């Protein structure tokens, strides 16, 4: 435990005691003058290195008034940040139990107590406190409460409640939420859409996707779900049209588009149109994933040598492990280049272990696409790596 916390308490309690003594008549026997035993007892614990007992004694000794309230709040915050949440809860509950606490201060303490509950995983208790504050507190505290409620609803997967909470952030009826929260709202609608798609509730799924795009027009996730829905219904032309528009939203997601686009053209009986569509995409949004898919088409149509020529013409613009692996694999098919085959296997091994997705906010990497980063809990920041 850090000594800074105890020093803060020693100074705060000592100052409170000194001020109280100075402001009282000499013959006054009020409770303020009785702080000395608690203060001395706490000092003894402090000097004997009994830190837990010292903290509890000083918390009990420090009177709550306009001068010491901020010290109590700072202490509670410090305890929470250090992971001593049960103590932080006790500090804040002790504050709320004191009579005569102004309403504005009481609301501030309730917010801190709600933060304690969130930190300790008592989300149901935090939700009750925060909902009460949203109804009664001034706008500044209300906004803070709503943000914590949105986090709670995210963790509990209560997407509709989260959407409603985001709508209240604007502070005005019928007005849109702040831009940063519209992205989050779009993701919440996408979560609902995926649930509907999984249980074949296509009508409601489309409704949620429309709302998602209304909240966030650049939502790649909503477009991908829309394409998946059309593919599931056999509307491959509609799905292909949606997929071709996604690179304009975010070209980083080309690797997610190409396999779906290929399936759409094949299932709709237009395999010859696939090559043309990919070539157009390559001109507008050059990406190694498109080079790889086109090389497969060239290989099937014209053979290994033509595929090698195609990759060689583009590898300078697409210096990726996947393209290098494909090129080495084609070169090693002749069977007479053992070293090339070994290099191909080495690159393949490296390519399998690299992070295929990475968060642009915190750097979290993994093999799976997460719309909510497991590291920093940010939405829409995990993207395919090149």
Protein backbone atom coordinates (compact mmCIF):
# COMPACT_ATOMS: atom_id res chain seq x y z
CA UNK A 1 0.00 0.00 0.00
CA UNK A 2 1.34 3.48 -0.87
CA UNK A 3 2.36 5.75 1.98
CA UNK A 4 1.00 8.76 0.08
CA UNK A 5 -2.55 7.70 0.94
CA UNK A 6 -1.84 7.57 4.65
CA UNK A 7 0.04 10.87 4.61
CA UNK A 8 -2.95 12.47 2.90
CA UNK A 9 -5.24 11.19 5.64
CA UNK A 10 -2.91 12.22 8.46
CA UNK A 11 -2.67 15.76 7.13
CA UNK A 12 -6.41 16.01 6.36
CA UNK A 13 -7.55 14.75 9.75
CA UNK A 14 -4.93 16.79 11.60
CA UNK A 15 -5.92 19.95 9.73
CA UNK A 16 -9.59 19.33 10.35
CA UNK A 17 -8.91 18.82 14.06
CA UNK A 18 -6.77 21.98 14.30
CA UNK A 19 -9.34 24.14 12.51
CA UNK A 20 -12.11 22.76 14.65
CA UNK A 21 -10.21 23.44 17.87
CA UNK A 22 -9.33 26.97 16.82
CA UNK A 23 -12.93 27.86 16.02
CA UNK A 24 -14.32 26.64 19.35
CA UNK A 25 -14.42 28.36 22.78
CA UNK A 26 -11.91 26.92 25.21
CA UNK A 27 -14.58 25.48 27.49
CA UNK A 28 -16.51 23.82 24.60
CA UNK A 29 -16.79 20.06 24.89
CA UNK A 30 -18.33 19.49 21.42
CA UNK A 31 -17.61 16.31 19.39
CA UNK A 32 -15.14 18.32 17.32
CA UNK A 33 -12.90 18.60 20.36
CA UNK A 34 -13.05 14.84 20.81
CA UNK A 35 -11.27 14.15 17.54
CA UNK A 36 -7.94 13.94 19.36
CA UNK A 37 -8.30 10.32 20.61
CA UNK A 38 -9.18 9.09 17.10
CA UNK A 39 -6.36 11.12 15.61
CA UNK A 40 -3.79 9.85 18.13
CA UNK A 41 -4.98 6.26 17.72
CA UNK A 42 -4.68 6.59 13.93
CA UNK A 43 -1.19 8.03 14.27
CA UNK A 44 -0.18 5.06 16.44
CA UNK A 45 -1.42 2.64 13.77
CA UNK A 46 0.38 4.73 11.17
CA UNK A 47 3.71 4.68 13.06
CA UNK A 48 3.41 0.95 13.81
CA UNK A 49 2.94 0.25 10.09
CA UNK A 50 -0.62 -1.04 10.64
CA UNK A 51 -1.85 0.66 7.50
CA UNK A 52 -5.30 -0.92 7.17
CA UNK A 53 -6.23 0.00 10.75
CA UNK A 54 -4.84 3.51 10.26
CA UNK A 55 -6.97 4.12 7.17
CA UNK A 56 -10.14 2.90 8.90
CA UNK A 57 -9.47 5.07 11.96
CA UNK A 58 -8.76 8.22 9.94
CA UNK A 59 -11.85 7.70 7.79
CA UNK A 60 -13.93 7.49 10.97
CA UNK A 61 -12.24 10.54 12.49
CA UNK A 62 -12.48 12.89 9.51
CA UNK A 63 -15.65 14.93 9.91
CA UNK A 64 -17.73 15.61 6.81
CA UNK A 65 -18.10 19.31 6.13
CA UNK A 66 -17.56 21.73 3.27
CA UNK A 67 -13.80 21.73 3.91
CA UNK A 68 -13.30 17.96 4.14
CA UNK A 69 -15.82 16.64 1.59
CA UNK A 70 -13.36 16.90 -1.29
CA UNK A 71 -10.81 14.98 0.80
CA UNK A 72 -13.34 12.20 1.33
CA UNK A 73 -14.12 12.10 -2.40
CA UNK A 74 -10.43 12.10 -3.32
CA UNK A 75 -9.82 9.29 -0.85
CA UNK A 76 -12.67 7.21 -2.26
CA UNK A 77 -11.44 7.72 -5.83
CA UNK A 78 -7.91 6.79 -4.85
CA UNK A 79 -9.08 3.62 -3.12
CA UNK A 80 -11.16 2.64 -6.16
CA UNK A 81 -8.26 3.19 -8.56
CA UNK A 82 -6.02 1.08 -6.32
CA UNK A 83 -8.54 -1.77 -6.50
CA UNK A 84 -9.70 -1.43 -2.88
CA UNK A 85 -13.30 -1.12 -3.96
CA UNK A 86 -14.92 -2.31 -0.74
CA UNK A 87 -13.19 0.49 1.16
CA UNK A 88 -14.20 3.04 -1.50
CA UNK A 89 -17.82 1.87 -1.17
CA UNK A 90 -17.61 2.30 2.60
CA UNK A 91 -16.24 5.83 2.25
CA UNK A 92 -19.00 6.90 -0.12
CA UNK A 93 -21.78 5.17 1.82
CA UNK A 94 -20.48 6.87 4.97
CA UNK A 95 -20.77 10.22 3.20
CA UNK A 96 -24.36 9.56 2.11
CA UNK A 97 -25.32 8.58 5.66
CA UNK A 98 -24.25 11.97 7.04
CA UNK A 99 -27.18 14.37 7.62
CA UNK A 100 -27.23 17.81 6.10
CA UNK A 101 -25.35 16.91 2.92
CA UNK A 102 -26.44 19.34 0.15
CA UNK A 103 -28.40 17.73 -2.68
CA UNK A 104 -25.82 18.59 -5.33
CA UNK A 105 -23.05 17.06 -3.22
CA UNK A 106 -25.21 14.04 -2.45
CA UNK A 107 -25.70 13.44 -6.18
CA UNK A 108 -21.96 13.68 -6.74
CA UNK A 109 -21.33 11.09 -4.02
CA UNK A 110 -24.02 8.80 -5.47
CA UNK A 111 -22.26 8.96 -8.83
CA UNK A 112 -18.96 7.98 -7.18
CA UNK A 113 -20.71 5.13 -5.37
CA UNK A 114 -22.16 3.94 -8.69
CA UNK A 115 -18.62 3.94 -10.12
CA UNK A 116 -17.56 1.77 -7.17
CA UNK A 117 -20.35 -0.71 -7.94
CA UNK A 118 -19.33 -0.82 -11.62
CA UNK A 119 -15.71 -1.44 -10.66
CA UNK A 120 -16.70 -4.27 -8.31
CA UNK A 121 -19.03 -5.88 -10.87
CA UNK A 122 -22.23 -5.02 -9.00
CA UNK A 123 -23.84 -3.78 -12.19
CA UNK A 124 -27.45 -4.14 -11.04
CA UNK A 125 -26.85 -1.88 -8.01
CA UNK A 126 -24.95 0.61 -10.16
CA UNK A 127 -27.77 0.66 -12.72
CA UNK A 128 -30.38 1.51 -10.07
CA UNK A 129 -28.30 4.40 -8.71
CA UNK A 130 -27.49 5.78 -12.15
CA UNK A 131 -31.10 5.60 -13.34
CA UNK A 132 -32.22 7.58 -10.28
CA UNK A 133 -29.59 10.24 -10.97
CA UNK A 134 -30.61 10.50 -14.63
CA UNK A 135 -34.10 11.46 -13.46
CA UNK A 136 -33.06 14.00 -10.81
CA UNK A 137 -29.52 15.26 -11.37
CA UNK A 138 -28.47 18.35 -13.38
CA UNK A 139 -27.34 17.92 -16.99
CA UNK A 140 -23.59 17.54 -16.33
CA UNK A 141 -24.04 14.70 -13.84
CA UNK A 142 -26.83 13.22 -15.98
CA UNK A 143 -24.47 12.91 -18.97
CA UNK A 144 -21.86 11.13 -16.85
CA UNK A 145 -24.52 8.75 -15.54
CA UNK A 146 -25.76 7.98 -19.05
CA UNK A 147 -22.25 7.15 -20.22
CA UNK A 148 -21.80 4.67 -17.40
CA UNK A 149 -25.24 3.21 -18.09
CA UNK A 150 -24.27 2.71 -21.74
CA UNK A 151 -21.19 0.77 -20.62
CA UNK A 152 -23.32 -1.36 -18.31
CA UNK A 153 -25.85 -2.10 -21.06
CA UNK A 154 -22.96 -2.96 -23.39
CA UNK A 155 -21.53 -5.48 -20.92
CA UNK A 156 -24.98 -6.92 -20.18
CA UNK A 157 -25.85 -6.97 -23.91
CA UNK A 158 -28.98 -4.89 -23.26
CA UNK A 159 -28.77 -3.24 -26.68
CA UNK A 160 -32.20 -1.58 -26.71
CA UNK A 161 -31.61 0.02 -23.32
CA UNK A 162 -28.22 1.21 -24.56
CA UNK A 163 -29.81 2.80 -27.63
CA UNK A 164 -32.35 4.61 -25.46
CA UNK A 165 -29.60 5.88 -23.15
CA UNK A 166 -27.60 7.22 -26.12
CA UNK A 167 -30.71 9.06 -27.35
CA UNK A 168 -30.84 10.92 -24.04
CA UNK A 169 -27.28 12.21 -24.37
CA UNK A 170 -28.36 15.03 -26.67
CA UNK A 171 -30.36 16.61 -23.88
CA UNK A 172 -33.09 17.61 -26.33
CA UNK A 173 -36.07 15.70 -27.61
CA UNK A 174 -35.98 14.52 -31.24
CA UNK A 175 -32.35 15.66 -31.66
CA UNK A 176 -29.51 13.34 -32.67
CA UNK A 177 -26.90 12.13 -30.18
CA UNK A 178 -23.30 13.43 -30.37
CA UNK A 179 -21.29 12.10 -33.34
CA UNK A 180 -19.00 9.87 -31.26
CA UNK A 181 -22.00 8.10 -29.74
CA UNK A 182 -23.81 7.61 -33.04
CA UNK A 183 -21.11 5.11 -34.01
CA UNK A 184 -21.79 3.21 -30.78
CA UNK A 185 -25.53 3.37 -31.41
CA UNK A 186 -25.01 1.98 -34.91
CA UNK A 187 -23.10 -0.95 -33.41
CA UNK A 188 -25.91 -1.62 -30.92
CA UNK A 189 -28.41 -1.77 -33.80
CA UNK A 190 -26.04 -4.15 -35.62
CA UNK A 191 -25.98 -6.42 -32.57
CA UNK A 192 -29.77 -6.57 -32.68
CA UNK A 193 -29.70 -7.18 -36.44
CA UNK A 194 -27.30 -10.12 -36.05
CA UNK A 195 -29.57 -11.65 -33.40
CA UNK A 196 -32.54 -11.37 -35.79
CA UNK A 197 -30.52 -12.82 -38.68
CA UNK A 198 -29.52 -15.81 -36.55
CA UNK A 199 -33.16 -16.62 -35.80
CA UNK A 200 -34.32 -15.89 -39.38
CA UNK A 201 -36.35 -12.83 -38.41
CA UNK A 202 -35.50 -11.05 -41.66
CA UNK A 203 -38.06 -8.24 -41.50
CA UNK A 204 -36.92 -6.97 -38.10
CA UNK A 205 -33.31 -7.51 -39.15
CA UNK A 206 -33.77 -5.08 -42.06
CA UNK A 207 -35.43 -2.60 -39.72
CA UNK A 208 -32.46 -2.65 -37.35
CA UNK A 209 -30.01 -2.33 -40.26
CA UNK A 210 -31.86 0.72 -41.54
CA UNK A 211 -31.60 2.26 -38.05
CA UNK A 212 -27.90 1.36 -37.89
CA UNK A 213 -27.21 3.16 -41.16
CA UNK A 214 -29.31 6.08 -39.97
CA UNK A 215 -27.09 6.39 -36.90
CA UNK A 216 -23.79 5.76 -38.72
CA UNK A 217 -23.76 6.01 -42.52
CA UNK A 218 -20.19 4.70 -42.68
CA UNK A 219 -21.01 1.51 -40.76
CA UNK A 220 -19.13 -1.29 -42.54
CA UNK A 221 -20.66 -3.80 -40.17
CA UNK A 222 -24.21 -2.84 -41.19
CA UNK A 223 -23.30 -3.23 -44.87
CA UNK A 224 -21.73 -6.65 -44.27
CA UNK A 225 -24.80 -7.84 -42.36
CA UNK A 226 -27.01 -6.50 -45.17
CA UNK A 227 -24.97 -8.48 -47.70
CA UNK A 228 -25.12 -11.61 -45.52
CA UNK A 229 -28.90 -11.21 -45.24
CA UNK A 230 -29.33 -10.90 -49.02
CA UNK A 231 -27.05 -13.89 -49.60
CA UNK A 232 -29.05 -15.94 -47.12
CA UNK A 233 -32.23 -15.05 -49.03
CA UNK A 234 -30.60 -15.84 -52.37
CA UNK A 235 -30.52 -12.18 -53.50
CA UNK A 236 -26.93 -12.41 -54.73
CA UNK A 237 -27.06 -9.42 -57.09
CA UNK A 238 -28.26 -7.16 -54.28
CA UNK A 239 -25.57 -8.55 -51.99
CA UNK A 240 -22.86 -7.95 -54.60
CA UNK A 241 -24.01 -4.38 -55.07
CA UNK A 242 -23.76 -3.72 -51.34
CA UNK A 243 -20.33 -5.37 -51.10
CA UNK A 244 -18.90 -3.29 -53.96
CA UNK A 245 -19.82 -0.12 -52.03
CA UNK A 246 -18.04 -1.10 -48.81
CA UNK A 247 -14.50 -0.07 -49.93
CA UNK A 248 -15.82 3.49 -50.21
CA UNK A 249 -16.83 3.27 -46.54
CA UNK A 250 -13.49 1.81 -45.42
CA UNK A 251 -10.98 0.21 -47.84
CA UNK A 252 -9.32 -1.66 -44.96
CA UNK A 253 -12.20 -4.17 -45.05
CA UNK A 254 -11.50 -5.39 -48.59
CA UNK A 255 -10.35 -8.81 -47.20
CA UNK A 256 -13.82 -9.26 -45.69
CA UNK A 257 -15.49 -8.36 -48.98
CA UNK A 258 -13.60 -10.45 -51.55
CA UNK A 259 -14.70 -13.97 -50.43
CA UNK A 260 -18.32 -12.90 -50.16
CA UNK A 261 -18.20 -11.14 -53.53
CA UNK A 262 -16.76 -14.22 -55.21
CA UNK A 263 -19.51 -16.37 -53.73
CA UNK A 264 -22.19 -13.93 -54.94
CA UNK A 265 -21.03 -14.02 -58.57
CA UNK A 266 -20.64 -17.80 -58.58
CA UNK A 267 -24.00 -18.46 -56.94
CA UNK A 268 -25.76 -16.06 -59.31
CA UNK A 269 -24.29 -17.89 -62.31
CA UNK A 270 -22.00 -15.04 -63.38
CA UNK A 271 -18.45 -16.30 -62.77
CA UNK A 272 -17.19 -14.44 -65.86
CA UNK A 273 -18.32 -11.12 -64.36
CA UNK A 274 -16.33 -11.72 -61.18
CA UNK A 275 -12.98 -11.03 -62.81
CA UNK A 276 -14.19 -7.75 -64.27
CA UNK A 277 -15.63 -6.64 -60.91
CA UNK A 278 -12.38 -7.48 -59.12
CA UNK A 279 -10.29 -5.66 -61.74
CA UNK A 280 -12.41 -2.54 -61.30
CA UNK A 281 -12.04 -2.78 -57.53
CA UNK A 282 -8.27 -3.24 -57.91
CA UNK A 283 -8.03 0.02 -59.85
CA UNK A 284 -10.03 1.97 -57.28
CA UNK A 285 -8.87 0.31 -54.04
CA UNK A 286 -5.63 -1.60 -54.57
CA UNK A 287 -5.30 -4.36 -51.99
CA UNK A 288 -3.31 -7.65 -51.76
CA UNK A 289 -6.53 -9.59 -51.10
CA UNK A 290 -7.82 -8.62 -54.56
CA UNK A 291 -4.48 -9.59 -56.16
CA UNK A 292 -4.70 -13.02 -54.54
CA UNK A 293 -8.26 -13.64 -55.72
CA UNK A 294 -7.47 -12.52 -59.26
CA UNK A 295 -4.36 -14.70 -59.33
CA UNK A 296 -6.58 -17.70 -58.53
CA UNK A 297 -8.85 -16.84 -61.46
CA UNK A 298 -5.86 -16.41 -63.80
CA UNK A 299 -4.42 -19.72 -62.59
CA UNK A 300 -7.67 -21.58 -63.33
CA UNK A 301 -8.07 -19.95 -66.75
CA UNK A 302 -4.49 -19.78 -68.03
CA UNK A 303 -2.30 -21.90 -65.76
CA UNK A 304 0.61 -21.47 -63.38
CA UNK A 305 2.93 -19.40 -65.56
CA UNK A 306 0.25 -16.81 -66.31
CA UNK A 307 -0.61 -16.58 -62.59
CA UNK A 308 3.07 -16.01 -61.76
CA UNK A 309 3.31 -13.26 -64.37
CA UNK A 310 0.20 -11.62 -62.93
CA UNK A 311 1.52 -11.70 -59.36
CA UNK A 312 4.97 -10.48 -60.46
CA UNK A 313 3.33 -7.47 -62.09
CA UNK A 314 1.59 -6.50 -58.86
CA UNK A 315 3.83 -7.68 -56.02
CA UNK A 316 5.64 -4.36 -55.78
CA UNK A 317 2.34 -2.66 -55.03
CA UNK A 318 1.19 -5.51 -52.78
CA UNK A 319 4.20 -6.41 -50.59
CA UNK A 320 2.40 -8.78 -48.24
CA UNK A 321 3.14 -12.18 -46.72
CA UNK A 322 0.04 -13.65 -48.33
CA UNK A 323 1.08 -12.58 -51.84
CA UNK A 324 4.66 -13.78 -51.24
CA UNK A 325 3.33 -17.11 -49.98
CA UNK A 326 1.18 -17.51 -53.10
CA UNK A 327 4.07 -16.68 -55.42
CA UNK A 328 6.44 -19.13 -53.72
CA UNK A 329 3.76 -21.80 -53.76
CA UNK A 330 3.29 -21.42 -57.52
CA UNK A 331 7.04 -21.46 -58.14
CA UNK A 332 7.47 -24.57 -56.03
CA UNK A 333 4.84 -26.52 -57.94
CA UNK A 334 7.41 -27.47 -60.56
CA UNK A 335 8.89 -29.86 -58.04
CA UNK A 336 12.53 -29.16 -58.84
CA UNK A 337 13.10 -26.21 -56.50
CA UNK A 338 13.41 -27.64 -52.99
CA UNK A 339 14.62 -24.35 -51.55
CA UNK A 340 11.59 -22.53 -52.92
CA UNK A 341 9.27 -25.13 -51.42
CA UNK A 342 10.97 -24.74 -48.04
CA UNK A 343 10.71 -20.93 -48.27
CA UNK A 344 7.04 -21.27 -49.14
CA UNK A 345 6.38 -23.39 -46.05
CA UNK A 346 8.28 -20.93 -43.86
CA UNK A 347 6.29 -17.96 -45.12
CA UNK A 348 3.08 -19.95 -44.74
CA UNK A 349 3.95 -20.70 -41.11
CA UNK A 350 4.70 -17.03 -40.39
CA UNK A 351 1.52 -15.94 -42.14
CA UNK A 352 -0.61 -18.24 -40.00
CA UNK A 353 0.71 -16.84 -36.72
CA UNK A 354 0.60 -13.12 -37.54
CA UNK A 355 -2.27 -10.97 -36.28
CA UNK A 356 -4.87 -10.74 -39.03
CA UNK A 357 -6.73 -7.97 -37.21
CA UNK A 358 -5.44 -5.08 -35.12
CA UNK A 359 -7.02 -2.27 -33.10
CA UNK A 360 -6.08 1.17 -34.36
CA UNK A 361 -6.62 2.58 -30.88
CA UNK A 362 -4.71 0.30 -28.48
CA UNK A 363 -2.84 -2.08 -30.82
CA UNK A 364 -4.66 -5.25 -29.74
CA UNK A 365 -4.07 -7.98 -32.33
CA UNK A 366 -5.77 -11.28 -33.02
CA UNK A 367 -7.00 -13.80 -35.55
CA UNK A 368 -10.67 -12.83 -35.29
CA UNK A 369 -12.57 -9.68 -36.16
CA UNK A 370 -14.04 -8.02 -33.06
CA UNK A 371 -16.32 -5.05 -33.57
CA UNK A 372 -15.74 -4.20 -29.90
CA UNK A 373 -12.02 -4.24 -29.11
CA UNK A 374 -11.35 -6.69 -26.23
CA UNK A 375 -8.42 -4.51 -25.17
CA UNK A 376 -9.65 -0.91 -24.97
CA UNK A 377 -13.43 -1.53 -25.34
CA UNK A 378 -13.64 0.80 -28.35
CA UNK A 379 -16.16 0.18 -31.12
CA UNK A 380 -15.18 -0.04 -34.82
CA UNK A 381 -11.43 0.26 -34.17
CA UNK A 382 -10.38 -3.33 -34.98
CA UNK A 383 -9.57 -3.70 -38.67
CA UNK A 384 -7.88 -6.22 -40.98
CA UNK A 385 -4.10 -5.85 -41.20
CA UNK A 386 -2.25 -5.61 -44.52
